[in-house]
Structures are given as C-alpha cells and as structure tokens.
Amino acid sequence: MYEYVNYFAGLLSGSIRINSAPLYLTHVTVLGAPSFESGTCGCRAFIKVYEGLVPVYTSGIHTISRETKQFTVNVQTPHERRGLQLRGDILIKCYHRER
C-alpha cells in the first residue's frame, strides 16, 4: 500500500510518467480458493478485469473444489492470441457466483 501511495504521488507531481505501451494479460492465477458452498463445491469463481474503473473482461464460471490450492483462468481467446490488451491502472477481482 505504501509503495502505491508513493507511486501515485510521483504521478501527481510529474516525477513519474505513465508508460503508454500496452500490456497483454494472458492468464490469471488465483492462489487459494474459499469454500462458500457445502457439498462437493468450494466455490463458483469468476474474474472481472477493469481498465481504470471500466470492466473490460469477465470470465466464465469455474467450479472450484475445496481441495483446490490454486486455479488459473485463461484470458486469451482463439482470435486474440496475445491476450487482453490493457493500459493504465488495472484491477482484477475474483467473485463467487451463488447458485
């Protein structure tokens, strides 16, 4: 948190400039999976990727068992092999979809 505050202060003062070159997100790996549902399913996870405050990607729902230590969401699509093109501030959130 402290590093981000310093980074943001540098952006405001002009001592740090934003890199305008795009980045390409291909995968998101989530370490650990909470158990929200009883029975065989630990959770029904999906991710949302935001560029700034605008949602630019929503994954499908992944059924994750309680025993799962990590899972990976593939962000690439068959026609976009480089991945999801992103610039600026990026936020990735993982959600649980109830049945």
PDB file of N, CA and C in Angstrom:
ATOM      1  N   MET A   1       0.830  -1.187   0.000  1.00  0.00           N
ATOM      2  CA  MET A   1       0.000   0.000   0.000  1.00  0.00           C
ATOM      3  C   MET A   1       0.876   1.253   0.000  1.00  0.00           C
ATOM      4  N   TYR A   2       1.912   1.257   0.829  1.00  0.00           N
ATOM      5  CA  TYR A   2       2.801   2.408   0.926  1.00  0.00           C
ATOM      6  C   TYR A   2       3.479   2.684  -0.412  1.00  0.00           C
ATOM      7  N   GLU A   3       3.886   1.612  -1.112  1.00  0.00           N
ATOM      8  CA  GLU A   3       4.543   1.785  -2.409  1.00  0.00           C
ATOM      9  C   GLU A   3       3.592   2.398  -3.422  1.00  0.00           C
ATOM     10  N   TYR A   4       2.331   1.984  -3.403  1.00  0.00           N
ATOM     11  CA  TYR A   4       1.362   2.536  -4.343  1.00  0.00           C
ATOM     12  C   TYR A   4       1.113   4.011  -4.056  1.00  0.00           C
ATOM     13  N   VAL A   5       1.062   4.394  -2.790  1.00  0.00           N
ATOM     14  CA  VAL A   5       0.866   5.800  -2.428  1.00  0.00           C
ATOM     15  C   VAL A   5       2.030   6.627  -2.955  1.00  0.00           C
ATOM     16  N   ASN A   6       3.252   6.127  -2.782  1.00  0.00           N
ATOM     17  CA  ASN A   6       4.422   6.840  -3.309  1.00  0.00           C
ATOM     18  C   ASN A   6       4.372   6.921  -4.831  1.00  0.00           C
ATOM     19  N   TYR A   7       3.977   5.837  -5.474  1.00  0.00           N
ATOM     20  CA  TYR A   7       3.861   5.819  -6.931  1.00  0.00           C
ATOM     21  C   TYR A   7       2.830   6.849  -7.389  1.00  0.00           C
ATOM     22  N   PHE A   8       1.670   6.870  -6.752  1.00  0.00           N
ATOM     23  CA  PHE A   8       0.613   7.802  -7.126  1.00  0.00           C
ATOM     24  C   PHE A   8       1.050   9.244  -6.877  1.00  0.00           C
ATOM     25  N   ALA A   9       1.756   9.495  -5.778  1.00  0.00           N
ATOM     26  CA  ALA A   9       2.272  10.840  -5.503  1.00  0.00           C
ATOM     27  C   ALA A   9       3.253  11.265  -6.593  1.00  0.00           C
ATOM     28  N   GLY A  10       4.081  10.326  -7.057  1.00  0.00           N
ATOM     29  CA  GLY A  10       5.007  10.621  -8.148  1.00  0.00           C
ATOM     30  C   GLY A  10       4.285  10.954  -9.438  1.00  0.00           C
ATOM     31  N   LEU A  11       3.181  10.268  -9.712  1.00  0.00           N
ATOM     32  CA  LEU A  11       2.382  10.583 -10.900  1.00  0.00           C
ATOM     33  C   LEU A  11       1.801  11.991 -10.813  1.00  0.00           C
ATOM     34  N   LEU A  12       1.283  12.343  -9.633  1.00  0.00           N
ATOM     35  CA  LEU A  12       0.687  13.667  -9.460  1.00  0.00           C
ATOM     36  C   LEU A  12       1.722  14.777  -9.558  1.00  0.00           C
ATOM     37  N   SER A  13       2.921  14.534  -9.048  1.00  0.00           N
ATOM     38  CA  SER A  13       3.965  15.561  -9.074  1.00  0.00           C
ATOM     39  C   SER A  13       4.657  15.653 -10.426  1.00  0.00           C
ATOM     40  N   GLY A  14       4.488  14.637 -11.260  1.00  0.00           N
ATOM     41  CA  GLY A  14       5.142  14.650 -12.568  1.00  0.00           C
ATOM     42  C   GLY A  14       6.510  14.002 -12.579  1.00  0.00           C
ATOM     43  N   SER A  15       6.968  13.503 -11.434  1.00  0.00           N
ATOM     44  CA  SER A  15       8.286  12.858 -11.394  1.00  0.00           C
ATOM     45  C   SER A  15       8.247  11.446 -11.982  1.00  0.00           C
ATOM     46  N   ILE A  16       7.056  10.869 -12.084  1.00  0.00           N
ATOM     47  CA  ILE A  16       6.872   9.557 -12.713  1.00  0.00           C
ATOM     48  C   ILE A  16       5.864   9.729 -13.843  1.00  0.00           C
ATOM     49  N   ARG A  17       6.181   9.156 -14.998  1.00  0.00           N
ATOM     50  CA  ARG A  17       5.267   9.227 -16.137  1.00  0.00           C
ATOM     51  C   ARG A  17       4.665   7.849 -16.388  1.00  0.00           C
ATOM     52  N   ILE A  18       3.422   7.837 -16.818  1.00  0.00           N
ATOM     53  CA  ILE A  18       2.740   6.582 -17.126  1.00  0.00           C
ATOM     54  C   ILE A  18       3.284   6.031 -18.431  1.00  0.00           C
ATOM     55  N   ASN A  19       3.591   4.753 -18.428  1.00  0.00           N
ATOM     56  CA  ASN A  19       4.022   4.070 -19.641  1.00  0.00           C
ATOM     57  C   ASN A  19       2.783   3.812 -20.489  1.00  0.00           C
ATOM     58  N   SER A  20       2.767   4.352 -21.699  1.00  0.00           N
ATOM     59  CA  SER A  20       1.581   4.217 -22.545  1.00  0.00           C
ATOM     60  C   SER A  20       1.598   2.951 -23.397  1.00  0.00           C
ATOM     61  N   ALA A  21       2.684   2.177 -23.331  1.00  0.00           N
ATOM     62  CA  ALA A  21       2.751   0.931 -24.098  1.00  0.00           C
ATOM     63  C   ALA A  21       1.766  -0.076 -23.507  1.00  0.00           C
ATOM     64  N   PRO A  22       1.044  -0.799 -24.357  1.00  0.00           N
ATOM     65  CA  PRO A  22       0.079  -1.764 -23.831  1.00  0.00           C
ATOM     66  C   PRO A  22       0.755  -3.001 -23.247  1.00  0.00           C
ATOM     67  N   LEU A  23       0.072  -3.607 -22.302  1.00  0.00           N
ATOM     68  CA  LEU A  23       0.461  -4.908 -21.762  1.00  0.00           C
ATOM     69  C   LEU A  23      -0.600  -5.899 -22.204  1.00  0.00           C
ATOM     70  N   TYR A  24      -0.223  -7.175 -22.268  1.00  0.00           N
ATOM     71  CA  TYR A  24      -1.160  -8.206 -22.704  1.00  0.00           C
ATOM     72  C   TYR A  24      -1.310  -9.241 -21.602  1.00  0.00           C
ATOM     73  N   LEU A  25      -2.499  -9.334 -21.049  1.00  0.00           N
ATOM     74  CA  LEU A  25      -2.801 -10.293 -19.994  1.00  0.00           C
ATOM     75  C   LEU A  25      -3.283 -11.586 -20.637  1.00  0.00           C
ATOM     76  N   THR A  26      -2.598 -12.692 -20.337  1.00  0.00           N
ATOM     77  CA  THR A  26      -2.965 -13.975 -20.933  1.00  0.00           C
ATOM     78  C   THR A  26      -3.610 -14.927 -19.930  1.00  0.00           C
ATOM     79  N   HIS A  27      -3.192 -14.872 -18.665  1.00  0.00           N
ATOM     80  CA  HIS A  27      -3.703 -15.780 -17.641  1.00  0.00           C
ATOM     81  C   HIS A  27      -3.778 -15.046 -16.304  1.00  0.00           C
ATOM     82  N   VAL A  28      -4.670 -15.495 -15.459  1.00  0.00           N
ATOM     83  CA  VAL A  28      -4.737 -15.031 -14.078  1.00  0.00           C
ATOM     84  C   VAL A  28      -4.750 -16.273 -13.203  1.00  0.00           C
ATOM     85  N   THR A  29      -3.781 -16.373 -12.289  1.00  0.00           N
ATOM     86  CA  THR A  29      -3.721 -17.493 -11.357  1.00  0.00           C
ATOM     87  C   THR A  29      -4.141 -17.008  -9.976  1.00  0.00           C
ATOM     88  N   VAL A  30      -5.112 -17.685  -9.398  1.00  0.00           N
ATOM     89  CA  VAL A  30      -5.613 -17.353  -8.065  1.00  0.00           C
ATOM     90  C   VAL A  30      -5.081 -18.401  -7.102  1.00  0.00           C
ATOM     91  N   LEU A  31      -4.374 -17.952  -6.081  1.00  0.00           N
ATOM     92  CA  LEU A  31      -3.822 -18.857  -5.075  1.00  0.00           C
ATOM     93  C   LEU A  31      -4.809 -18.984  -3.929  1.00  0.00           C
ATOM     94  N   GLY A  32      -5.225 -20.203  -3.662  1.00  0.00           N
ATOM     95  CA  GLY A  32      -6.206 -20.451  -2.612  1.00  0.00           C
ATOM     96  C   GLY A  32      -7.613 -20.257  -3.138  1.00  0.00           C
ATOM     97  N   ALA A  33      -8.530 -21.011  -2.608  1.00  0.00           N
ATOM     98  CA  ALA A  33      -9.931 -20.890  -3.010  1.00  0.00           C
ATOM     99  C   ALA A  33     -10.804 -21.036  -1.775  1.00  0.00           C
ATOM    100  N   PRO A  34     -11.638 -20.043  -1.487  1.00  0.00           N
ATOM    101  CA  PRO A  34     -12.513 -20.151  -0.322  1.00  0.00           C
ATOM    102  C   PRO A  34     -13.603 -21.183  -0.546  1.00  0.00           C
ATOM    103  N   SER A  35     -14.179 -21.672   0.546  1.00  0.00           N
ATOM    104  CA  SER A  35     -15.265 -22.644   0.465  1.00  0.00           C
ATOM    105  C   SER A  35     -16.557 -21.956   0.885  1.00  0.00           C
ATOM    106  N   PHE A  36     -17.367 -21.585  -0.099  1.00  0.00           N
ATOM    107  CA  PHE A  36     -18.625 -20.903   0.171  1.00  0.00           C
ATOM    108  C   PHE A  36     -19.816 -21.839   0.165  1.00  0.00           C
ATOM    109  N   GLU A  37     -19.692 -22.981  -0.525  1.00  0.00           N
ATOM    110  CA  GLU A  37     -20.832 -23.871  -0.690  1.00  0.00           C
ATOM    111  C   GLU A  37     -20.559 -25.221  -0.049  1.00  0.00           C
ATOM    112  N   SER A  38     -21.574 -25.779   0.592  1.00  0.00           N
ATOM    113  CA  SER A  38     -21.418 -27.097   1.199  1.00  0.00           C
ATOM    114  C   SER A  38     -21.467 -28.168   0.114  1.00  0.00           C
ATOM    115  N   GLY A  39     -21.053 -29.367   0.463  1.00  0.00           N
ATOM    116  CA  GLY A  39     -21.049 -30.458  -0.515  1.00  0.00           C
ATOM    117  C   GLY A  39     -19.730 -30.528  -1.256  1.00  0.00           C
ATOM    118  N   THR A  40     -19.786 -30.819  -2.535  1.00  0.00           N
ATOM    119  CA  THR A  40     -18.561 -31.038  -3.304  1.00  0.00           C
ATOM    120  C   THR A  40     -17.927 -29.757  -3.812  1.00  0.00           C
ATOM    121  N   CYS A  41     -18.675 -28.693  -3.882  1.00  0.00           N
ATOM    122  CA  CYS A  41     -18.164 -27.454  -4.476  1.00  0.00           C
ATOM    123  C   CYS A  41     -17.683 -26.494  -3.397  1.00  0.00           C
ATOM    124  N   GLY A  42     -16.475 -26.000  -3.539  1.00  0.00           N
ATOM    125  CA  GLY A  42     -15.965 -24.995  -2.616  1.00  0.00           C
ATOM    126  C   GLY A  42     -16.468 -23.613  -2.986  1.00  0.00           C
ATOM    127  N   CYS A  43     -16.352 -23.280  -4.275  1.00  0.00           N
ATOM    128  CA  CYS A  43     -16.881 -22.014  -4.761  1.00  0.00           C
ATOM    129  C   CYS A  43     -17.058 -22.069  -6.273  1.00  0.00           C
ATOM    130  N   ARG A  44     -17.816 -21.121  -6.770  1.00  0.00           N
ATOM    131  CA  ARG A  44     -18.032 -20.975  -8.216  1.00  0.00           C
ATOM    132  C   ARG A  44     -17.453 -19.616  -8.583  1.00  0.00           C
ATOM    133  N   ALA A  45     -16.180 -19.618  -8.932  1.00  0.00           N
ATOM    134  CA  ALA A  45     -15.429 -18.380  -9.103  1.00  0.00           C
ATOM    135  C   ALA A  45     -15.460 -17.870 -10.539  1.00  0.00           C
ATOM    136  N   PHE A  46     -15.442 -16.552 -10.652  1.00  0.00           N
ATOM    137  CA  PHE A  46     -15.194 -15.911 -11.940  1.00  0.00           C
ATOM    138  C   PHE A  46     -14.428 -14.625 -11.672  1.00  0.00           C
ATOM    139  N   ILE A  47     -13.699 -14.160 -12.683  1.00  0.00           N
ATOM    140  CA  ILE A  47     -12.918 -12.937 -12.507  1.00  0.00           C
ATOM    141  C   ILE A  47     -13.454 -11.845 -13.416  1.00  0.00           C
ATOM    142  N   LYS A  48     -13.221 -10.617 -12.966  1.00  0.00           N
ATOM    143  CA  LYS A  48     -13.503  -9.436 -13.776  1.00  0.00           C
ATOM    144  C   LYS A  48     -12.230  -8.607 -13.817  1.00  0.00           C
ATOM    145  N   VAL A  49     -11.900  -8.120 -15.006  1.00  0.00           N
ATOM    146  CA  VAL A  49     -10.735  -7.262 -15.193  1.00  0.00           C
ATOM    147  C   VAL A  49     -11.249  -5.868 -15.537  1.00  0.00           C
ATOM    148  N   TYR A  50     -10.733  -4.875 -14.821  1.00  0.00           N
ATOM    149  CA  TYR A  50     -11.113  -3.486 -15.037  1.00  0.00           C
ATOM    150  C   TYR A  50      -9.905  -2.705 -15.542  1.00  0.00           C
ATOM    151  N   GLU A  51     -10.129  -1.855 -16.525  1.00  0.00           N
ATOM    152  CA  GLU A  51      -9.115  -0.917 -17.004  1.00  0.00           C
ATOM    153  C   GLU A  51      -9.603   0.452 -16.560  1.00  0.00           C
ATOM    154  N   GLY A  52      -8.885   1.057 -15.605  1.00  0.00           N
ATOM    155  CA  GLY A  52      -9.455   2.209 -14.922  1.00  0.00           C
ATOM    156  C   GLY A  52     -10.597   1.679 -14.081  1.00  0.00           C
ATOM    157  N   LEU A  53     -11.762   2.238 -14.210  1.00  0.00           N
ATOM    158  CA  LEU A  53     -12.939   1.721 -13.495  1.00  0.00           C
ATOM    159  C   LEU A  53     -13.923   1.046 -14.443  1.00  0.00           C
ATOM    160  N   VAL A  54     -13.479   0.792 -15.673  1.00  0.00           N
ATOM    161  CA  VAL A  54     -14.351   0.219 -16.698  1.00  0.00           C
ATOM    162  C   VAL A  54     -14.105  -1.281 -16.815  1.00  0.00           C
ATOM    163  N   PRO A  55     -15.139  -2.128 -16.644  1.00  0.00           N
ATOM    164  CA  PRO A  55     -14.930  -3.569 -16.824  1.00  0.00           C
ATOM    165  C   PRO A  55     -14.663  -3.881 -18.298  1.00  0.00           C
ATOM    166  N   VAL A  56     -13.564  -4.620 -18.554  1.00  0.00           N
ATOM    167  CA  VAL A  56     -13.188  -4.948 -19.934  1.00  0.00           C
ATOM    168  C   VAL A  56     -13.189  -6.450 -20.195  1.00  0.00           C
ATOM    169  N   TYR A  57     -13.307  -7.258 -19.147  1.00  0.00           N
ATOM    170  CA  TYR A  57     -13.318  -8.710 -19.336  1.00  0.00           C
ATOM    171  C   TYR A  57     -14.024  -9.365 -18.158  1.00  0.00           C
ATOM    172  N   THR A  58     -14.873 -10.342 -18.449  1.00  0.00           N
ATOM    173  CA  THR A  58     -15.495 -11.182 -17.428  1.00  0.00           C
ATOM    174  C   THR A  58     -15.326 -12.625 -17.862  1.00  0.00           C
ATOM    175  N   SER A  59     -14.756 -13.439 -16.992  1.00  0.00           N
ATOM    176  CA  SER A  59     -14.529 -14.844 -17.333  1.00  0.00           C
ATOM    177  C   SER A  59     -15.813 -15.647 -17.180  1.00  0.00           C
ATOM    178  N   GLY A  60     -15.750 -16.881 -17.622  1.00  0.00           N
ATOM    179  CA  GLY A  60     -16.810 -17.826 -17.327  1.00  0.00           C
ATOM    180  C   GLY A  60     -16.711 -18.258 -15.874  1.00  0.00           C
ATOM    181  N   ILE A  61     -17.670 -19.035 -15.434  1.00  0.00           N
ATOM    182  CA  ILE A  61     -17.676 -19.517 -14.050  1.00  0.00           C
ATOM    183  C   ILE A  61     -16.867 -20.800 -13.967  1.00  0.00           C
ATOM    184  N   HIS A  62     -15.985 -20.866 -12.971  1.00  0.00           N
ATOM    185  CA  HIS A  62     -15.137 -22.032 -12.733  1.00  0.00           C
ATOM    186  C   HIS A  62     -15.554 -22.660 -11.409  1.00  0.00           C
ATOM    187  N   THR A  63     -15.953 -23.922 -11.439  1.00  0.00           N
ATOM    188  CA  THR A  63     -16.322 -24.633 -10.222  1.00  0.00           C
ATOM    189  C   THR A  63     -15.051 -25.141  -9.565  1.00  0.00           C
ATOM    190  N   ILE A  64     -14.789 -24.660  -8.367  1.00  0.00           N
ATOM    191  CA  ILE A  64     -13.544 -24.942  -7.659  1.00  0.00           C
ATOM    192  C   ILE A  64     -13.863 -25.789  -6.429  1.00  0.00           C
ATOM    193  N   SER A  65     -13.181 -26.928  -6.301  1.00  0.00           N
ATOM    194  CA  SER A  65     -13.414 -27.798  -5.142  1.00  0.00           C
ATOM    195  C   SER A  65     -12.696 -27.244  -3.913  1.00  0.00           C
ATOM    196  N   ARG A  66     -13.094 -27.748  -2.764  1.00  0.00           N
ATOM    197  CA  ARG A  66     -12.477 -27.296  -1.508  1.00  0.00           C
ATOM    198  C   ARG A  66     -10.994 -27.619  -1.426  1.00  0.00           C
ATOM    199  N   GLU A  67     -10.586 -28.697  -2.097  1.00  0.00           N
ATOM    200  CA  GLU A  67      -9.196 -29.148  -2.022  1.00  0.00           C
ATOM    201  C   GLU A  67      -8.266 -28.359  -2.943  1.00  0.00           C
ATOM    202  N   THR A  68      -8.804 -27.543  -3.818  1.00  0.00           N
ATOM    203  CA  THR A  68      -8.003 -26.811  -4.793  1.00  0.00           C
ATOM    204  C   THR A  68      -7.130 -25.773  -4.100  1.00  0.00           C
ATOM    205  N   LYS A  69      -5.839 -25.813  -4.408  1.00  0.00           N
ATOM    206  CA  LYS A  69      -4.895 -24.855  -3.831  1.00  0.00           C
ATOM    207  C   LYS A  69      -4.752 -23.612  -4.702  1.00  0.00           C
ATOM    208  N   GLN A  70      -4.917 -23.779  -6.014  1.00  0.00           N
ATOM    209  CA  GLN A  70      -4.859 -22.649  -6.931  1.00  0.00           C
ATOM    210  C   GLN A  70      -5.583 -23.014  -8.218  1.00  0.00           C
ATOM    211  N   PHE A  71      -6.014 -22.003  -8.942  1.00  0.00           N
ATOM    212  CA  PHE A  71      -6.612 -22.238 -10.257  1.00  0.00           C
ATOM    213  C   PHE A  71      -6.221 -21.095 -11.181  1.00  0.00           C
ATOM    214  N   THR A  72      -6.200 -21.387 -12.475  1.00  0.00           N
ATOM    215  CA  THR A  72      -5.777 -20.416 -13.479  1.00  0.00           C
ATOM    216  C   THR A  72      -6.904 -20.180 -14.470  1.00  0.00           C
ATOM    217  N   VAL A  73      -7.157 -18.924 -14.752  1.00  0.00           N
ATOM    218  CA  VAL A  73      -8.158 -18.522 -15.737  1.00  0.00           C
ATOM    219  C   VAL A  73      -7.413 -18.058 -16.980  1.00  0.00           C
ATOM    220  N   ASN A  74      -7.721 -18.668 -18.116  1.00  0.00           N
ATOM    221  CA  ASN A  74      -7.109 -18.301 -19.385  1.00  0.00           C
ATOM    222  C   ASN A  74      -7.880 -17.120 -19.963  1.00  0.00           C
ATOM    223  N   VAL A  75      -7.195 -16.007 -20.157  1.00  0.00           N
ATOM    224  CA  VAL A  75      -7.830 -14.793 -20.656  1.00  0.00           C
ATOM    225  C   VAL A  75      -7.744 -14.709 -22.179  1.00  0.00           C
ATOM    226  N   GLN A  76      -6.862 -15.486 -22.786  1.00  0.00           N
ATOM    227  CA  GLN A  76      -6.706 -15.468 -24.239  1.00  0.00           C
ATOM    228  C   GLN A  76      -7.948 -16.022 -24.919  1.00  0.00           C
ATOM    229  N   THR A  77      -8.216 -15.526 -26.099  1.00  0.00           N
ATOM    230  CA  THR A  77      -9.283 -16.066 -26.933  1.00  0.00           C
ATOM    231  C   THR A  77      -8.653 -16.589 -28.215  1.00  0.00           C
ATOM    232  N   PRO A  78      -9.325 -17.454 -28.950  1.00  0.00           N
ATOM    233  CA  PRO A  78      -8.732 -18.002 -30.173  1.00  0.00           C
ATOM    234  C   PRO A  78      -8.313 -16.937 -31.186  1.00  0.00           C
ATOM    235  N   HIS A  79      -9.064 -15.838 -31.285  1.00  0.00           N
ATOM    236  CA  HIS A  79      -8.709 -14.794 -32.248  1.00  0.00           C
ATOM    237  C   HIS A  79      -7.782 -13.733 -31.664  1.00  0.00           C
ATOM    238  N   GLU A  80      -7.547 -13.728 -30.371  1.00  0.00           N
ATOM    239  CA  GLU A  80      -6.618 -12.799 -29.716  1.00  0.00           C
ATOM    240  C   GLU A  80      -5.559 -13.589 -28.968  1.00  0.00           C
ATOM    241  N   ARG A  81      -4.608 -14.122 -29.681  1.00  0.00           N
ATOM    242  CA  ARG A  81      -3.597 -14.984 -29.062  1.00  0.00           C
ATOM    243  C   ARG A  81      -2.641 -14.229 -28.142  1.00  0.00           C
ATOM    244  N   ARG A  82      -2.535 -12.928 -28.317  1.00  0.00           N
ATOM    245  CA  ARG A  82      -1.636 -12.161 -27.455  1.00  0.00           C
ATOM    246  C   ARG A  82      -2.234 -11.921 -26.081  1.00  0.00           C
ATOM    247  N   GLY A  83      -3.501 -12.112 -25.942  1.00  0.00           N
ATOM    248  CA  GLY A  83      -4.158 -11.874 -24.668  1.00  0.00           C
ATOM    249  C   GLY A  83      -4.967 -10.593 -24.693  1.00  0.00           C
ATOM    250  N   LEU A  84      -5.397 -10.185 -23.534  1.00  0.00           N
ATOM    251  CA  LEU A  84      -6.219  -8.993 -23.374  1.00  0.00           C
ATOM    252  C   LEU A  84      -5.311  -7.772 -23.297  1.00  0.00           C
ATOM    253  N   GLN A  85      -5.467  -6.841 -24.240  1.00  0.00           N
ATOM    254  CA  GLN A  85      -4.624  -5.641 -24.259  1.00  0.00           C
ATOM    255  C   GLN A  85      -5.115  -4.664 -23.201  1.00  0.00           C
ATOM    256  N   LEU A  86      -4.182  -4.216 -22.350  1.00  0.00           N
ATOM    257  CA  LEU A  86      -4.522  -3.324 -21.246  1.00  0.00           C
ATOM    258  C   LEU A  86      -3.528  -2.174 -21.167  1.00  0.00           C
ATOM    259  N   ARG A  87      -4.013  -1.037 -20.673  1.00  0.00           N
ATOM    260  CA  ARG A  87      -3.160   0.135 -20.431  1.00  0.00           C
ATOM    261  C   ARG A  87      -3.614   0.805 -19.136  1.00  0.00           C
ATOM    262  N   GLY A  88      -2.705   1.483 -18.469  1.00  0.00           N
ATOM    263  CA  GLY A  88      -3.065   2.275 -17.291  1.00  0.00           C
ATOM    264  C   GLY A  88      -3.310   1.424 -16.063  1.00  0.00           C
ATOM    265  N   ASP A  89      -4.161   1.929 -15.178  1.00  0.00           N
ATOM    266  CA  ASP A  89      -4.470   1.227 -13.928  1.00  0.00           C
ATOM    267  C   ASP A  89      -5.369   0.034 -14.212  1.00  0.00           C
ATOM    268  N   ILE A  90      -4.966  -1.113 -13.688  1.00  0.00           N
ATOM    269  CA  ILE A  90      -5.681  -2.365 -13.893  1.00  0.00           C
ATOM    270  C   ILE A  90      -6.123  -2.896 -12.529  1.00  0.00           C
ATOM    271  N   LEU A  91      -7.346  -3.381 -12.464  1.00  0.00           N
ATOM    272  CA  LEU A  91      -7.867  -4.014 -11.257  1.00  0.00           C
ATOM    273  C   LEU A  91      -8.445  -5.362 -11.655  1.00  0.00           C
ATOM    274  N   ILE A  92      -8.067  -6.404 -10.928  1.00  0.00           N
ATOM    275  CA  ILE A  92      -8.604  -7.742 -11.170  1.00  0.00           C
ATOM    276  C   ILE A  92      -9.316  -8.186  -9.900  1.00  0.00           C
ATOM    277  N   LYS A  93     -10.591  -8.555 -10.026  1.00  0.00           N
ATOM    278  CA  LYS A  93     -11.374  -9.020  -8.881  1.00  0.00           C
ATOM    279  C   LYS A  93     -11.851 -10.437  -9.149  1.00  0.00           C
ATOM    280  N   CYS A  94     -11.853 -11.236  -8.090  1.00  0.00           N
ATOM    281  CA  CYS A  94     -12.374 -12.595  -8.164  1.00  0.00           C
ATOM    282  C   CYS A  94     -13.668 -12.629  -7.355  1.00  0.00           C
ATOM    283  N   TYR A  95     -14.731 -13.139  -7.968  1.00  0.00           N
ATOM    284  CA  TYR A  95     -16.051 -13.183  -7.351  1.00  0.00           C
ATOM    285  C   TYR A  95     -16.526 -14.625  -7.191  1.00  0.00           C
ATOM    286  N   HIS A  96     -17.520 -14.806  -6.330  1.00  0.00           N
ATOM    287  CA  HIS A  96     -18.203 -16.088  -6.161  1.00  0.00           C
ATOM    288  C   HIS A  96     -19.631 -15.931  -6.671  1.00  0.00           C
ATOM    289  N   ARG A  97     -20.038 -16.819  -7.566  1.00  0.00           N
ATOM    290  CA  ARG A  97     -21.409 -16.792  -8.100  1.00  0.00           C
ATOM    291  C   ARG A  97     -22.242 -17.814  -7.335  1.00  0.00           C
ATOM    292  N   GLU A  98     -23.278 -17.340  -6.660  1.00  0.00           N
ATOM    293  CA  GLU A  98     -24.170 -18.261  -5.950  1.00  0.00           C
ATOM    294  C   GLU A  98     -25.056 -18.981  -6.944  1.00  0.00           C
ATOM    295  N   ARG A  99     -25.513 -20.155  -6.551  1.00  0.00           N
ATOM    296  CA  ARG A  99     -26.406 -20.940  -7.439  1.00  0.00           C
ATOM    297  C   ARG A  99     -27.774 -20.340  -7.510  1.00  0.00           C
TER     298      ARG A  99
END
